[in-house]
N, C-alpha and C. Protein backbone atom coordinates (compact mmCIF):
# COMPACT_ATOMS: atom_id res chain seq x y z
N MET A 1 147.89 144.27 141.22
CA MET A 1 148.94 144.07 140.91
C MET A 1 149.41 142.36 142.09
N SER A 2 149.53 142.84 143.06
CA SER A 2 150.03 141.06 143.51
C SER A 2 149.76 139.85 142.58
N ASP A 3 148.12 139.70 142.59
CA ASP A 3 147.58 138.66 142.13
C ASP A 3 148.93 138.35 140.94
N ILE A 4 149.19 139.40 139.38
CA ILE A 4 150.67 138.81 138.70
C ILE A 4 151.47 138.16 139.05
N LEU A 5 152.28 139.03 141.06
CA LEU A 5 153.46 139.10 141.34
C LEU A 5 152.86 137.46 141.91
N LYS A 6 151.57 136.82 142.25
CA LYS A 6 151.54 135.65 142.97
C LYS A 6 151.99 134.66 141.77
N LEU A 7 150.80 134.71 140.64
CA LEU A 7 151.16 133.34 139.63
C LEU A 7 152.40 133.45 138.87
N VAL A 8 152.84 134.59 138.74
CA VAL A 8 154.50 134.31 138.23
C VAL A 8 154.91 133.31 138.94
N GLY A 9 155.11 134.18 140.35
CA GLY A 9 156.04 133.28 141.23
C GLY A 9 155.24 131.64 141.56
N ALA A 10 154.33 131.58 141.53
CA ALA A 10 153.78 130.26 141.54
C ALA A 10 154.38 129.37 140.41
N LYS A 11 154.48 130.42 139.04
CA LYS A 11 154.99 128.77 138.16
C LYS A 11 156.28 129.24 138.30
N ILE A 12 157.60 130.29 139.11
CA ILE A 12 158.38 130.05 138.91
C ILE A 12 158.68 128.39 139.83
N LEU A 13 157.92 128.80 140.90
CA LEU A 13 157.97 127.24 142.17
C LEU A 13 157.61 125.94 141.37
N ASP A 14 157.02 125.83 140.47
CA ASP A 14 156.01 125.14 139.95
C ASP A 14 157.67 124.12 138.62
N TYR A 15 158.51 124.98 137.68
CA TYR A 15 159.22 124.75 137.18
C TYR A 15 160.49 124.42 138.16
N ARG A 16 160.79 125.23 139.19
CA ARG A 16 161.95 124.72 140.38
C ARG A 16 161.33 123.12 140.92
N LYS A 17 160.93 123.62 141.79
CA LYS A 17 160.30 121.94 141.60
C LYS A 17 160.25 121.49 141.11
N GLU A 18 159.75 121.18 139.85
CA GLU A 18 160.29 120.86 138.68
C GLU A 18 161.65 120.10 138.07
N LYS A 19 162.16 121.08 138.53
CA LYS A 19 163.35 121.07 138.66
C LYS A 19 164.22 119.62 139.36
N GLY A 20 163.49 119.96 140.63
CA GLY A 20 164.10 119.20 141.63
C GLY A 20 165.35 119.72 141.93
N ILE A 21 165.61 121.76 142.54
CA ILE A 21 166.42 122.42 142.63
C ILE A 21 165.47 123.27 144.16
N SER A 22 166.19 124.04 144.82
CA SER A 22 166.42 124.21 146.13
C SER A 22 166.14 125.72 145.46
N GLN A 23 165.78 126.44 146.01
CA GLN A 23 165.32 127.46 146.34
C GLN A 23 166.90 128.48 146.44
N GLU A 24 167.52 127.67 147.22
CA GLU A 24 169.31 127.85 147.19
C GLU A 24 170.00 127.98 146.54
N GLU A 25 169.81 127.09 145.60
CA GLU A 25 170.12 126.19 143.93
C GLU A 25 169.74 127.41 143.14
N LEU A 26 168.46 127.64 142.95
CA LEU A 26 168.02 128.44 141.89
C LEU A 26 168.69 129.84 142.04
N GLY A 27 168.66 130.22 143.39
CA GLY A 27 169.00 131.90 143.82
C GLY A 27 170.58 131.86 143.38
N GLU A 28 171.68 130.59 143.65
CA GLU A 28 172.94 130.82 143.43
C GLU A 28 173.34 130.28 141.87
N LEU A 29 171.91 130.29 141.02
CA LEU A 29 172.71 129.79 139.26
C LEU A 29 172.04 131.32 138.57
N ALA A 30 170.78 132.32 140.06
CA ALA A 30 170.28 133.81 138.75
C ALA A 30 171.49 134.29 140.02
N GLY A 31 172.55 134.31 139.91
CA GLY A 31 172.38 135.35 141.07
C GLY A 31 171.83 136.35 142.33
N PHE A 32 170.97 135.42 143.00
CA PHE A 32 170.51 135.56 143.48
C PHE A 32 170.22 135.52 145.37
N HIS A 33 169.82 135.66 146.45
CA HIS A 33 169.91 135.31 147.37
C HIS A 33 168.60 134.35 147.21
N PHE A 34 169.15 133.21 148.43
CA PHE A 34 167.21 132.35 148.00
C PHE A 34 166.41 133.39 148.68
N SER A 35 166.86 133.79 149.65
CA SER A 35 165.47 134.34 150.52
C SER A 35 164.35 135.70 149.54
N TYR A 36 165.27 135.71 147.90
CA TYR A 36 164.96 137.29 147.74
C TYR A 36 163.86 135.71 146.59
N ILE A 37 164.74 134.91 146.19
CA ILE A 37 164.26 133.65 145.48
C ILE A 37 162.73 133.35 146.54
N GLY A 38 162.46 132.66 147.69
CA GLY A 38 161.72 132.93 147.91
C GLY A 38 160.53 133.61 148.01
N GLY A 39 160.75 135.04 148.07
CA GLY A 39 160.16 136.52 148.28
C GLY A 39 159.25 136.05 146.85
N VAL A 40 160.27 135.66 145.50
CA VAL A 40 159.42 135.60 144.42
C VAL A 40 158.61 134.65 144.10
N GLU A 41 158.96 133.64 144.81
CA GLU A 41 157.89 132.69 145.08
C GLU A 41 156.38 133.05 145.52
N ARG A 42 156.61 133.85 146.63
CA ARG A 42 155.48 133.44 147.48
C ARG A 42 154.26 135.39 146.93
N GLY A 43 155.44 135.65 146.07
CA GLY A 43 154.75 136.97 145.27
C GLY A 43 154.36 137.96 145.88
N GLU A 44 155.97 138.26 147.13
CA GLU A 44 156.05 139.10 147.19
C GLU A 44 156.86 140.53 147.01
N ARG A 45 158.14 139.62 145.29
CA ARG A 45 158.61 140.70 145.56
C ARG A 45 158.31 141.11 144.16
N ASN A 46 158.50 142.48 143.96
CA ASN A 46 158.02 142.63 141.97
C ASN A 46 159.56 142.41 141.43
N LEU A 47 160.03 141.68 141.03
CA LEU A 47 160.93 141.89 139.97
C LEU A 47 160.66 142.09 138.95
N SER A 48 162.03 142.57 138.19
CA SER A 48 162.05 143.29 136.93
C SER A 48 162.29 142.79 135.86
N LEU A 49 162.14 142.21 134.58
CA LEU A 49 162.33 141.47 133.36
C LEU A 49 162.80 140.97 133.44
N THR A 50 164.31 141.50 133.72
CA THR A 50 165.46 140.94 133.77
C THR A 50 165.59 140.12 134.61
N ASN A 51 164.74 140.16 135.40
CA ASN A 51 165.44 138.70 136.85
C ASN A 51 164.52 138.33 135.96
N ILE A 52 162.76 138.32 135.95
CA ILE A 52 162.70 137.24 135.76
C ILE A 52 162.88 136.55 134.30
N GLY A 53 163.78 137.26 133.80
CA GLY A 53 164.90 136.33 132.60
C GLY A 53 165.65 135.45 132.92
N LYS A 54 166.39 136.11 134.14
CA LYS A 54 167.59 135.06 134.45
C LYS A 54 166.88 133.88 134.74
N ILE A 55 166.00 134.09 135.60
CA ILE A 55 165.33 133.01 136.82
C ILE A 55 164.73 131.91 135.17
N ALA A 56 164.15 132.88 134.33
CA ALA A 56 163.59 131.62 133.32
C ALA A 56 164.62 131.30 132.40
N ASP A 57 165.91 131.89 132.42
CA ASP A 57 167.31 131.11 131.97
C ASP A 57 167.61 129.84 132.54
N CYS A 58 167.64 130.02 134.08
CA CYS A 58 168.00 129.17 135.22
C CYS A 58 166.97 127.65 134.83
N LEU A 59 166.00 128.20 134.80
CA LEU A 59 165.00 126.89 134.80
C LEU A 59 165.01 125.99 133.15
N ASP A 60 165.83 126.78 132.73
CA ASP A 60 165.79 126.37 131.36
C ASP A 60 164.30 126.69 130.84
N VAL A 61 163.18 127.42 130.83
CA VAL A 61 162.00 127.06 130.65
C VAL A 61 161.96 128.86 129.32
N ASP A 62 160.99 128.28 128.76
CA ASP A 62 160.94 129.89 127.96
C ASP A 62 159.84 131.01 129.46
N LEU A 63 160.65 132.00 128.55
CA LEU A 63 160.04 133.23 128.98
C LEU A 63 158.32 133.49 129.30
N TYR A 64 157.80 133.16 128.32
CA TYR A 64 155.94 133.28 128.27
C TYR A 64 155.63 132.23 129.22
N LYS A 65 155.91 130.97 129.51
CA LYS A 65 155.60 130.10 129.64
C LYS A 65 155.47 130.31 131.65
N LEU A 66 156.32 131.34 132.20
CA LEU A 66 156.22 131.98 133.75
C LEU A 66 154.63 132.43 133.79
N PHE A 67 154.47 132.93 132.30
CA PHE A 67 152.63 134.13 132.43
C PHE A 67 152.03 133.18 131.90
N SER A 68 151.76 131.96 131.23
CA SER A 68 150.43 131.42 130.82
C SER A 68 150.84 130.60 132.39
N TYR A 69 149.01 130.91 133.08
CA TYR A 69 149.11 130.20 134.28
C TYR A 69 147.02 130.08 134.15
N VAL A 70 146.96 129.72 135.18
CA VAL A 70 145.39 129.66 135.82
C VAL A 70 144.69 129.97 136.65
N SER A 71 143.90 130.11 137.09
CA SER A 71 143.97 131.13 138.31
C SER A 71 144.64 130.01 139.59
N ILE A 72 145.05 131.43 140.42
CA ILE A 72 146.33 131.07 141.49
C ILE A 72 144.24 130.33 142.42
N ASN A 73 145.00 129.61 143.17
CA ASN A 73 144.11 129.22 144.28
C ASN A 73 142.99 128.26 143.61
N LYS A 74 143.15 128.17 143.00
CA LYS A 74 142.30 126.82 142.06
C LYS A 74 142.49 125.62 142.24
N GLU A 75 142.05 124.60 142.27
CA GLU A 75 142.32 123.20 142.26
C GLU A 75 142.53 123.06 140.39
N VAL A 76 143.67 122.51 140.41
CA VAL A 76 143.47 122.05 138.81
C VAL A 76 143.42 120.71 138.59
N SER A 77 142.27 120.16 137.81
CA SER A 77 142.16 118.56 137.74
C SER A 77 143.58 118.24 136.50
N GLU A 78 143.44 116.78 136.60
CA GLU A 78 144.70 116.04 135.48
C GLU A 78 144.28 116.31 134.56
N LYS A 79 142.81 116.52 134.08
CA LYS A 79 142.19 116.91 132.98
C LYS A 79 142.66 118.20 132.26
N GLU A 80 142.55 119.13 133.00
CA GLU A 80 143.07 120.53 133.15
C GLU A 80 144.73 120.92 132.67
N LYS A 81 144.96 120.11 133.76
CA LYS A 81 146.62 119.89 133.50
C LYS A 81 147.29 120.12 131.92
N ILE A 82 146.54 118.65 131.55
CA ILE A 82 147.39 118.31 130.40
C ILE A 82 146.70 119.09 129.03
N ILE A 83 145.20 119.58 129.19
CA ILE A 83 144.62 120.68 128.34
C ILE A 83 145.92 122.09 128.28
N ARG A 84 146.10 122.65 129.29
CA ARG A 84 147.00 123.60 129.30
C ARG A 84 148.29 123.42 128.78
N ASP A 85 148.91 121.71 129.13
CA ASP A 85 150.16 121.92 128.62
C ASP A 85 149.99 121.24 126.94
N VAL A 86 148.84 121.14 126.23
CA VAL A 86 148.89 120.92 124.80
C VAL A 86 148.54 122.50 124.53
N LEU A 87 147.26 123.66 125.74
CA LEU A 87 147.90 124.28 124.59
C LEU A 87 149.32 125.17 124.65
N ILE A 88 149.43 124.69 125.51
CA ILE A 88 151.40 125.97 125.43
C ILE A 88 152.09 125.51 125.20
N ASN A 89 151.87 124.62 124.26
CA ASN A 89 153.34 123.40 122.80
C ASN A 89 152.07 124.25 121.48
N LEU A 90 150.95 124.72 121.79
CA LEU A 90 150.42 125.43 120.88
C LEU A 90 150.42 126.93 120.55
N ILE A 91 150.78 127.24 120.98
CA ILE A 91 150.90 128.43 121.78
C ILE A 91 151.52 129.46 120.73
N ASP A 92 152.36 128.79 120.65
CA ASP A 92 153.25 129.53 119.12
C ASP A 92 154.07 129.07 117.54
N LYS A 93 152.92 128.14 117.40
CA LYS A 93 152.66 127.66 116.02
C LYS A 93 151.21 128.29 115.21
N GLU A 94 151.87 127.98 113.93
CA GLU A 94 151.25 128.71 113.11
C GLU A 94 149.64 128.22 113.19
N PRO A 95 149.19 129.00 112.43
CA PRO A 95 147.27 129.01 112.56
C PRO A 95 147.30 127.50 111.23
N LYS A 96 148.08 127.22 110.35
CA LYS A 96 147.92 126.13 109.60
C LYS A 96 148.87 125.12 110.23
N GLU A 97 149.65 124.89 111.67
CA GLU A 97 150.09 123.90 111.47
C GLU A 97 148.67 123.42 112.86
N ILE A 98 148.02 124.68 113.84
CA ILE A 98 147.09 124.53 114.40
C ILE A 98 145.76 123.55 114.04
N ASN A 99 145.80 124.13 112.87
CA ASN A 99 144.91 123.14 112.18
C ASN A 99 145.59 121.54 111.80
N MET A 100 146.62 121.71 111.28
CA MET A 100 146.81 120.44 110.70
C MET A 100 146.95 119.31 112.14
N ILE A 101 147.06 119.64 113.10
CA ILE A 101 147.09 119.23 114.49
C ILE A 101 145.54 118.92 115.29
N ASN A 102 144.96 119.75 114.75
CA ASN A 102 143.85 119.90 115.32
C ASN A 102 142.97 118.17 113.83
N ASN A 103 143.02 118.54 112.67
CA ASN A 103 142.70 117.24 111.91
C ASN A 103 142.99 116.26 112.24
N ILE A 104 144.49 116.19 112.95
CA ILE A 104 144.89 115.25 113.24
C ILE A 104 144.49 114.64 113.96
N ILE A 105 143.58 115.16 114.88
CA ILE A 105 143.42 114.35 116.80
C ILE A 105 141.86 113.93 116.84
N GLU A 106 141.28 115.07 115.03
CA GLU A 106 139.47 114.56 115.16
C GLU A 106 140.03 113.39 114.13
N GLU A 107 140.43 113.07 112.93
CA GLU A 107 140.42 111.25 112.88
C GLU A 107 141.32 110.65 114.05
N ILE A 108 142.11 110.68 114.89
CA ILE A 108 142.60 109.68 115.63
C ILE A 108 140.47 109.27 116.07
N PHE A 109 140.61 110.55 117.06
CA PHE A 109 138.94 110.39 117.76
C PHE A 109 138.14 109.65 116.27
N ASP A 110 137.55 109.88 115.31
CA ASP A 110 137.06 109.37 114.74
C ASP A 110 137.16 107.58 114.68
N THR A 111 138.56 107.44 114.18
CA THR A 111 139.00 105.94 114.22
C THR A 111 138.86 105.76 115.74
N PHE A 112 138.92 105.28 116.39
CA PHE A 112 138.89 105.07 117.85
C PHE A 112 137.62 104.83 117.96
N TYR A 113 136.14 106.20 117.47
CA TYR A 113 135.26 105.98 117.83
C TYR A 113 134.21 105.48 117.27
N GLU A 114 134.84 104.62 115.59
CA GLU A 114 133.63 104.25 115.33
C GLU A 114 133.96 102.70 115.32
N LYS A 115 134.59 102.50 116.19
CA LYS A 115 135.25 100.71 116.47
C LYS A 115 134.18 100.21 117.50
């Protein structure tokens, strides 16, 4: 179970840094002590779903995004990061929409590589 705690904690850390806020600021916004936030980010705290929801709200991120991750301790290339972001954007779309987007991508590549 500690792997999932580390993975979710790492996602929280990434989103917090992306927002440019400190552990203290996030803790204050969510109603937690900054040391609790640090423990969460290091995967040392087994936080409840309620607390994960509070943190997600304060980071202004959809809850499911805290659970979409790649293996921890794995170097992720820029290409893999972009692909992950595309997948995250598609995750809540209907199959019809995903197929349409895929068709658009294929058209773009066909046009680009024909020249």
